[in-house]
Amino acid sequence: MKEDLMLPSCLRADRKNVQKNEAIIAAVKDDKKNLTEEAADVLFHLLVMLSSRDIKWDDVLEELKRREGVSGVTEKQSR
């Protein structure tokens, strides 16, 4: 994964999609060990992407708090 950091941002985004898809497959197969590993990969790539855009994890957590108790449809309409 360390070599992924050297890739152009568009390819890193593609790598994130690969990891996301692998996590979904592990979830469907109910493979808890593999899902845990793939979830770690997804989070790693997300954190790298956030950092590359100078977005702090605390800001993401604040956004989640703001959305708490609000349906996805309502939240989307409020943007």
PDB file of N, CA and C in Angstrom:
ATOM      1  N   MET A   1       0.810  -1.201   0.000  1.00  0.00           N
ATOM      2  CA  MET A   1       0.000   0.000   0.000  1.00  0.00           C
ATOM      3  C   MET A   1       0.853   1.264   0.000  1.00  0.00           C
ATOM      4  N   LYS A   2       2.032   1.186   0.555  1.00  0.00           N
ATOM      5  CA  LYS A   2       2.890   2.366   0.605  1.00  0.00           C
ATOM      6  C   LYS A   2       3.159   2.908  -0.795  1.00  0.00           C
ATOM      7  N   GLU A   3       3.320   1.999  -1.754  1.00  0.00           N
ATOM      8  CA  GLU A   3       3.572   2.431  -3.130  1.00  0.00           C
ATOM      9  C   GLU A   3       2.378   3.177  -3.723  1.00  0.00           C
ATOM     10  N   ASP A   4       1.171   2.942  -3.192  1.00  0.00           N
ATOM     11  CA  ASP A   4      -0.023   3.654  -3.665  1.00  0.00           C
ATOM     12  C   ASP A   4       0.108   5.160  -3.464  1.00  0.00           C
ATOM     13  N   LEU A   5       0.844   5.572  -2.447  1.00  0.00           N
ATOM     14  CA  LEU A   5       0.993   6.998  -2.159  1.00  0.00           C
ATOM     15  C   LEU A   5       1.744   7.721  -3.271  1.00  0.00           C
ATOM     16  N   MET A   6       2.486   6.979  -4.064  1.00  0.00           N
ATOM     17  CA  MET A   6       3.262   7.568  -5.152  1.00  0.00           C
ATOM     18  C   MET A   6       2.442   7.707  -6.434  1.00  0.00           C
ATOM     19  N   LEU A   7       1.254   7.126  -6.460  1.00  0.00           N
ATOM     20  CA  LEU A   7       0.419   7.171  -7.653  1.00  0.00           C
ATOM     21  C   LEU A   7      -0.249   8.533  -7.807  1.00  0.00           C
ATOM     22  N   PRO A   8      -0.561   8.930  -9.043  1.00  0.00           N
ATOM     23  CA  PRO A   8      -1.348  10.151  -9.239  1.00  0.00           C
ATOM     24  C   PRO A   8      -2.688  10.014  -8.521  1.00  0.00           C
ATOM     25  N   SER A   9      -3.279  11.154  -8.153  1.00  0.00           N
ATOM     26  CA  SER A   9      -4.507  11.126  -7.348  1.00  0.00           C
ATOM     27  C   SER A   9      -5.642  10.357  -8.019  1.00  0.00           C
ATOM     28  N   CYS A  10      -5.765  10.431  -9.349  1.00  0.00           N
ATOM     29  CA  CYS A  10      -6.855   9.712 -10.020  1.00  0.00           C
ATOM     30  C   CYS A  10      -6.694   8.206  -9.859  1.00  0.00           C
ATOM     31  N   LEU A  11      -5.462   7.720  -9.858  1.00  0.00           N
ATOM     32  CA  LEU A  11      -5.235   6.289  -9.682  1.00  0.00           C
ATOM     33  C   LEU A  11      -5.417   5.879  -8.227  1.00  0.00           C
ATOM     34  N   ARG A  12      -5.063   6.773  -7.292  1.00  0.00           N
ATOM     35  CA  ARG A  12      -5.313   6.477  -5.881  1.00  0.00           C
ATOM     36  C   ARG A  12      -6.814   6.378  -5.643  1.00  0.00           C
ATOM     37  N   ALA A  13      -7.602   7.237  -6.289  1.00  0.00           N
ATOM     38  CA  ALA A  13      -9.058   7.177  -6.154  1.00  0.00           C
ATOM     39  C   ALA A  13      -9.568   5.847  -6.684  1.00  0.00           C
ATOM     40  N   ASP A  14      -9.001   5.386  -7.798  1.00  0.00           N
ATOM     41  CA  ASP A  14      -9.401   4.099  -8.355  1.00  0.00           C
ATOM     42  C   ASP A  14      -9.048   2.984  -7.375  1.00  0.00           C
ATOM     43  N   ARG A  15      -7.896   3.082  -6.746  1.00  0.00           N
ATOM     44  CA  ARG A  15      -7.463   2.072  -5.770  1.00  0.00           C
ATOM     45  C   ARG A  15      -8.439   2.022  -4.599  1.00  0.00           C
ATOM     46  N   LYS A  16      -8.937   3.201  -4.185  1.00  0.00           N
ATOM     47  CA  LYS A  16      -9.916   3.270  -3.106  1.00  0.00           C
ATOM     48  C   LYS A  16     -11.182   2.518  -3.506  1.00  0.00           C
ATOM     49  N   ASN A  17     -11.593   2.650  -4.754  1.00  0.00           N
ATOM     50  CA  ASN A  17     -12.780   1.927  -5.232  1.00  0.00           C
ATOM     51  C   ASN A  17     -12.555   0.415  -5.213  1.00  0.00           C
ATOM     52  N   VAL A  18     -11.357  -0.008  -5.573  1.00  0.00           N
ATOM     53  CA  VAL A  18     -11.037  -1.436  -5.530  1.00  0.00           C
ATOM     54  C   VAL A  18     -11.171  -1.942  -4.102  1.00  0.00           C
ATOM     55  N   GLN A  19     -10.601  -1.201  -3.158  1.00  0.00           N
ATOM     56  CA  GLN A  19     -10.657  -1.614  -1.752  1.00  0.00           C
ATOM     57  C   GLN A  19     -12.099  -1.659  -1.267  1.00  0.00           C
ATOM     58  N   LYS A  20     -12.899  -0.655  -1.642  1.00  0.00           N
ATOM     59  CA  LYS A  20     -14.307  -0.606  -1.245  1.00  0.00           C
ATOM     60  C   LYS A  20     -15.030  -1.840  -1.773  1.00  0.00           C
ATOM     61  N   ASN A  21     -14.799  -2.178  -3.034  1.00  0.00           N
ATOM     62  CA  ASN A  21     -15.464  -3.341  -3.632  1.00  0.00           C
ATOM     63  C   ASN A  21     -15.042  -4.634  -2.948  1.00  0.00           C
ATOM     64  N   GLU A  22     -13.775  -4.738  -2.592  1.00  0.00           N
ATOM     65  CA  GLU A  22     -13.304  -5.930  -1.891  1.00  0.00           C
ATOM     66  C   GLU A  22     -13.962  -6.034  -0.514  1.00  0.00           C
ATOM     67  N   ALA A  23     -14.174  -4.905   0.149  1.00  0.00           N
ATOM     68  CA  ALA A  23     -14.852  -4.913   1.449  1.00  0.00           C
ATOM     69  C   ALA A  23     -16.299  -5.370   1.294  1.00  0.00           C
ATOM     70  N   ILE A  24     -16.967  -4.899   0.252  1.00  0.00           N
ATOM     71  CA  ILE A  24     -18.355  -5.298   0.015  1.00  0.00           C
ATOM     72  C   ILE A  24     -18.438  -6.801  -0.231  1.00  0.00           C
ATOM     73  N   ILE A  25     -17.533  -7.326  -1.035  1.00  0.00           N
ATOM     74  CA  ILE A  25     -17.526  -8.770  -1.320  1.00  0.00           C
ATOM     75  C   ILE A  25     -17.303  -9.560  -0.035  1.00  0.00           C
ATOM     76  N   ALA A  26     -16.375  -9.110   0.793  1.00  0.00           N
ATOM     77  CA  ALA A  26     -16.116  -9.799   2.066  1.00  0.00           C
ATOM     78  C   ALA A  26     -17.358  -9.765   2.959  1.00  0.00           C
ATOM     79  N   ALA A  27     -18.078  -8.642   2.958  1.00  0.00           N
ATOM     80  CA  ALA A  27     -19.297  -8.537   3.768  1.00  0.00           C
ATOM     81  C   ALA A  27     -20.362  -9.495   3.267  1.00  0.00           C
ATOM     82  N   VAL A  28     -20.532  -9.562   1.953  1.00  0.00           N
ATOM     83  CA  VAL A  28     -21.537 -10.459   1.369  1.00  0.00           C
ATOM     84  C   VAL A  28     -21.205 -11.913   1.701  1.00  0.00           C
ATOM     85  N   LYS A  29     -19.918 -12.238   1.695  1.00  0.00           N
ATOM     86  CA  LYS A  29     -19.486 -13.605   2.008  1.00  0.00           C
ATOM     87  C   LYS A  29     -19.476 -13.870   3.515  1.00  0.00           C
ATOM     88  N   ASP A  30     -19.766 -12.835   4.316  1.00  0.00           N
ATOM     89  CA  ASP A  30     -19.723 -12.923   5.779  1.00  0.00           C
ATOM     90  C   ASP A  30     -18.349 -13.373   6.265  1.00  0.00           C
ATOM     91  N   ASP A  31     -17.311 -12.870   5.591  1.00  0.00           N
ATOM     92  CA  ASP A  31     -15.921 -13.182   5.938  1.00  0.00           C
ATOM     93  C   ASP A  31     -15.408 -12.062   6.843  1.00  0.00           C
ATOM     94  N   LYS A  32     -15.595 -12.236   8.136  1.00  0.00           N
ATOM     95  CA  LYS A  32     -15.283 -11.173   9.096  1.00  0.00           C
ATOM     96  C   LYS A  32     -13.807 -10.791   9.092  1.00  0.00           C
ATOM     97  N   LYS A  33     -12.930 -11.774   8.997  1.00  0.00           N
ATOM     98  CA  LYS A  33     -11.493 -11.480   8.992  1.00  0.00           C
ATOM     99  C   LYS A  33     -11.131 -10.627   7.781  1.00  0.00           C
ATOM    100  N   ASN A  34     -11.573 -11.063   6.615  1.00  0.00           N
ATOM    101  CA  ASN A  34     -11.260 -10.329   5.393  1.00  0.00           C
ATOM    102  C   ASN A  34     -11.945  -8.963   5.370  1.00  0.00           C
ATOM    103  N   LEU A  35     -13.176  -8.889   5.874  1.00  0.00           N
ATOM    104  CA  LEU A  35     -13.868  -7.599   5.933  1.00  0.00           C
ATOM    105  C   LEU A  35     -13.109  -6.629   6.835  1.00  0.00           C
ATOM    106  N   THR A  36     -12.606  -7.124   7.946  1.00  0.00           N
ATOM    107  CA  THR A  36     -11.815  -6.274   8.845  1.00  0.00           C
ATOM    108  C   THR A  36     -10.579  -5.743   8.127  1.00  0.00           C
ATOM    109  N   GLU A  37      -9.902  -6.620   7.407  1.00  0.00           N
ATOM    110  CA  GLU A  37      -8.698  -6.206   6.662  1.00  0.00           C
ATOM    111  C   GLU A  37      -9.045  -5.200   5.569  1.00  0.00           C
ATOM    112  N   GLU A  38     -10.097  -5.463   4.821  1.00  0.00           N
ATOM    113  CA  GLU A  38     -10.481  -4.565   3.727  1.00  0.00           C
ATOM    114  C   GLU A  38     -11.000  -3.225   4.264  1.00  0.00           C
ATOM    115  N   ALA A  39     -11.705  -3.263   5.384  1.00  0.00           N
ATOM    116  CA  ALA A  39     -12.168  -2.011   6.001  1.00  0.00           C
ATOM    117  C   ALA A  39     -10.976  -1.155   6.406  1.00  0.00           C
ATOM    118  N   ALA A  40      -9.932  -1.782   6.926  1.00  0.00           N
ATOM    119  CA  ALA A  40      -8.719  -1.045   7.277  1.00  0.00           C
ATOM    120  C   ALA A  40      -8.109  -0.410   6.027  1.00  0.00           C
ATOM    121  N   ASP A  41      -8.112  -1.132   4.921  1.00  0.00           N
ATOM    122  CA  ASP A  41      -7.592  -0.586   3.662  1.00  0.00           C
ATOM    123  C   ASP A  41      -8.418   0.615   3.197  1.00  0.00           C
ATOM    124  N   VAL A  42      -9.751   0.474   3.259  1.00  0.00           N
ATOM    125  CA  VAL A  42     -10.636   1.569   2.838  1.00  0.00           C
ATOM    126  C   VAL A  42     -10.369   2.808   3.689  1.00  0.00           C
ATOM    127  N   LEU A  43     -10.306   2.614   5.002  1.00  0.00           N
ATOM    128  CA  LEU A  43     -10.065   3.753   5.898  1.00  0.00           C
ATOM    129  C   LEU A  43      -8.697   4.382   5.649  1.00  0.00           C
ATOM    130  N   PHE A  44      -7.698   3.552   5.402  1.00  0.00           N
ATOM    131  CA  PHE A  44      -6.364   4.068   5.107  1.00  0.00           C
ATOM    132  C   PHE A  44      -6.403   4.988   3.893  1.00  0.00           C
ATOM    133  N   HIS A  45      -7.014   4.510   2.815  1.00  0.00           N
ATOM    134  CA  HIS A  45      -7.059   5.299   1.580  1.00  0.00           C
ATOM    135  C   HIS A  45      -7.905   6.557   1.760  1.00  0.00           C
ATOM    136  N   LEU A  46      -8.968   6.471   2.534  1.00  0.00           N
ATOM    137  CA  LEU A  46      -9.786   7.643   2.815  1.00  0.00           C
ATOM    138  C   LEU A  46      -8.983   8.678   3.606  1.00  0.00           C
ATOM    139  N   LEU A  47      -8.257   8.228   4.609  1.00  0.00           N
ATOM    140  CA  LEU A  47      -7.446   9.150   5.414  1.00  0.00           C
ATOM    141  C   LEU A  47      -6.350   9.806   4.583  1.00  0.00           C
ATOM    142  N   VAL A  48      -5.742   9.053   3.688  1.00  0.00           N
ATOM    143  CA  VAL A  48      -4.727   9.626   2.798  1.00  0.00           C
ATOM    144  C   VAL A  48      -5.358  10.690   1.905  1.00  0.00           C
ATOM    145  N   MET A  49      -6.531  10.391   1.353  1.00  0.00           N
ATOM    146  CA  MET A  49      -7.207  11.338   0.475  1.00  0.00           C
ATOM    147  C   MET A  49      -7.595  12.606   1.244  1.00  0.00           C
ATOM    148  N   LEU A  50      -8.139  12.447   2.444  1.00  0.00           N
ATOM    149  CA  LEU A  50      -8.504  13.609   3.258  1.00  0.00           C
ATOM    150  C   LEU A  50      -7.281  14.455   3.570  1.00  0.00           C
ATOM    151  N   SER A  51      -6.215  13.803   3.953  1.00  0.00           N
ATOM    152  CA  SER A  51      -4.977  14.514   4.279  1.00  0.00           C
ATOM    153  C   SER A  51      -4.440  15.272   3.072  1.00  0.00           C
ATOM    154  N   SER A  52      -4.546  14.662   1.897  1.00  0.00           N
ATOM    155  CA  SER A  52      -4.028  15.313   0.688  1.00  0.00           C
ATOM    156  C   SER A  52      -4.812  16.565   0.334  1.00  0.00           C
ATOM    157  N   ARG A  53      -6.020  16.682   0.880  1.00  0.00           N
ATOM    158  CA  ARG A  53      -6.871  17.852   0.627  1.00  0.00           C
ATOM    159  C   ARG A  53      -7.000  18.728   1.870  1.00  0.00           C
ATOM    160  N   ASP A  54      -6.124  18.467   2.851  1.00  0.00           N
ATOM    161  CA  ASP A  54      -6.066  19.244   4.093  1.00  0.00           C
ATOM    162  C   ASP A  54      -7.411  19.256   4.824  1.00  0.00           C
ATOM    163  N   ILE A  55      -8.067  18.099   4.860  1.00  0.00           N
ATOM    164  CA  ILE A  55      -9.315  17.940   5.599  1.00  0.00           C
ATOM    165  C   ILE A  55      -9.000  17.116   6.841  1.00  0.00           C
ATOM    166  N   LYS A  56      -9.362  17.653   7.980  1.00  0.00           N
ATOM    167  CA  LYS A  56      -9.068  16.990   9.246  1.00  0.00           C
ATOM    168  C   LYS A  56     -10.155  15.966   9.584  1.00  0.00           C
ATOM    169  N   TRP A  57      -9.725  14.885  10.228  1.00  0.00           N
ATOM    170  CA  TRP A  57     -10.649  13.835  10.644  1.00  0.00           C
ATOM    171  C   TRP A  57     -11.727  14.406  11.568  1.00  0.00           C
ATOM    172  N   ASP A  58     -11.344  15.336  12.435  1.00  0.00           N
ATOM    173  CA  ASP A  58     -12.320  15.962  13.337  1.00  0.00           C
ATOM    174  C   ASP A  58     -13.425  16.676  12.569  1.00  0.00           C
ATOM    175  N   ASP A  59     -13.096  17.248  11.418  1.00  0.00           N
ATOM    176  CA  ASP A  59     -14.122  17.902  10.598  1.00  0.00           C
ATOM    177  C   ASP A  59     -15.120  16.879  10.058  1.00  0.00           C
ATOM    178  N   VAL A  60     -14.626  15.716   9.700  1.00  0.00           N
ATOM    179  CA  VAL A  60     -15.504  14.642   9.222  1.00  0.00           C
ATOM    180  C   VAL A  60     -16.419  14.188  10.364  1.00  0.00           C
ATOM    181  N   LEU A  61     -15.857  14.036  11.555  1.00  0.00           N
ATOM    182  CA  LEU A  61     -16.663  13.632  12.703  1.00  0.00           C
ATOM    183  C   LEU A  61     -17.726  14.674  13.035  1.00  0.00           C
ATOM    184  N   GLU A  62     -17.381  15.954  12.916  1.00  0.00           N
ATOM    185  CA  GLU A  62     -18.360  17.019  13.145  1.00  0.00           C
ATOM    186  C   GLU A  62     -19.507  16.938  12.131  1.00  0.00           C
ATOM    187  N   GLU A  63     -19.167  16.639  10.884  1.00  0.00           N
ATOM    188  CA  GLU A  63     -20.201  16.498   9.856  1.00  0.00           C
ATOM    189  C   GLU A  63     -21.132  15.332  10.182  1.00  0.00           C
ATOM    190  N   LEU A  64     -20.565  14.245  10.667  1.00  0.00           N
ATOM    191  CA  LEU A  64     -21.397  13.101  11.060  1.00  0.00           C
ATOM    192  C   LEU A  64     -22.325  13.469  12.212  1.00  0.00           C
ATOM    193  N   LYS A  65     -21.812  14.227  13.181  1.00  0.00           N
ATOM    194  CA  LYS A  65     -22.650  14.675  14.298  1.00  0.00           C
ATOM    195  C   LYS A  65     -23.788  15.548  13.793  1.00  0.00           C
ATOM    196  N   ARG A  66     -23.484  16.416  12.824  1.00  0.00           N
ATOM    197  CA  ARG A  66     -24.504  17.303  12.273  1.00  0.00           C
ATOM    198  C   ARG A  66     -25.631  16.500  11.636  1.00  0.00           C
ATOM    199  N   ARG A  67     -25.298  15.390  11.034  1.00  0.00           N
ATOM    200  CA  ARG A  67     -26.282  14.567  10.327  1.00  0.00           C
ATOM    201  C   ARG A  67     -27.028  13.588  11.231  1.00  0.00           C
ATOM    202  N   GLU A  68     -26.578  13.426  12.454  1.00  0.00           N
ATOM    203  CA  GLU A  68     -27.181  12.444  13.353  1.00  0.00           C
ATOM    204  C   GLU A  68     -28.676  12.690  13.512  1.00  0.00           C
ATOM    205  N   GLY A  69     -29.445  11.618  13.336  1.00  0.00           N
ATOM    206  CA  GLY A  69     -30.882  11.702  13.494  1.00  0.00           C
ATOM    207  C   GLY A  69     -31.616  12.265  12.287  1.00  0.00           C
ATOM    208  N   VAL A  70     -30.898  12.521  11.204  1.00  0.00           N
ATOM    209  CA  VAL A  70     -31.503  13.078   9.995  1.00  0.00           C
ATOM    210  C   VAL A  70     -31.468  11.999   8.913  1.00  0.00           C
ATOM    211  N   SER A  71     -32.584  11.799   8.232  1.00  0.00           N
ATOM    212  CA  SER A  71     -32.606  10.783   7.168  1.00  0.00           C
ATOM    213  C   SER A  71     -31.684  11.205   6.032  1.00  0.00           C
ATOM    214  N   GLY A  72     -31.208  10.236   5.289  1.00  0.00           N
ATOM    215  CA  GLY A  72     -30.333  10.521   4.158  1.00  0.00           C
ATOM    216  C   GLY A  72     -30.987  11.411   3.121  1.00  0.00           C
ATOM    217  N   VAL A  73     -32.275  11.182   2.877  1.00  0.00           N
ATOM    218  CA  VAL A  73     -33.009  11.982   1.891  1.00  0.00           C
ATOM    219  C   VAL A  73     -33.102  13.429   2.359  1.00  0.00           C
ATOM    220  N   THR A  74     -33.476  13.623   3.623  1.00  0.00           N
ATOM    221  CA  THR A  74     -33.597  14.977   4.178  1.00  0.00           C
ATOM    222  C   THR A  74     -32.254  15.685   4.176  1.00  0.00           C
ATOM    223  N   GLU A  75     -31.221  14.980   4.579  1.00  0.00           N
ATOM    224  CA  GLU A  75     -29.872  15.571   4.630  1.00  0.00           C
ATOM    225  C   GLU A  75     -29.452  16.016   3.243  1.00  0.00           C
ATOM    226  N   LYS A  76     -29.667  15.170   2.245  1.00  0.00           N
ATOM    227  CA  LYS A  76     -29.265  15.477   0.878  1.00  0.00           C
ATOM    228  C   LYS A  76     -30.023  16.708   0.359  1.00  0.00           C
ATOM    229  N   GLN A  77     -31.312  16.798   0.684  1.00  0.00           N
ATOM    230  CA  GLN A  77     -32.121  17.929   0.230  1.00  0.00           C
ATOM    231  C   GLN A  77     -31.679  19.239   0.891  1.00  0.00           C
ATOM    232  N   SER A  78     -31.056  19.142   2.053  1.00  0.00           N
ATOM    233  CA  SER A  78     -30.655  20.362   2.770  1.00  0.00           C
ATOM    234  C   SER A  78     -29.366  20.983   2.213  1.00  0.00           C
ATOM    235  N   ARG A  79     -28.692  20.270   1.321  1.00  0.00           N
ATOM    236  CA  ARG A  79     -27.426  20.796   0.779  1.00  0.00           C
ATOM    237  C   ARG A  79     -27.682  21.823  -0.286  1.00  0.00           C
TER     238      ARG A  79
END
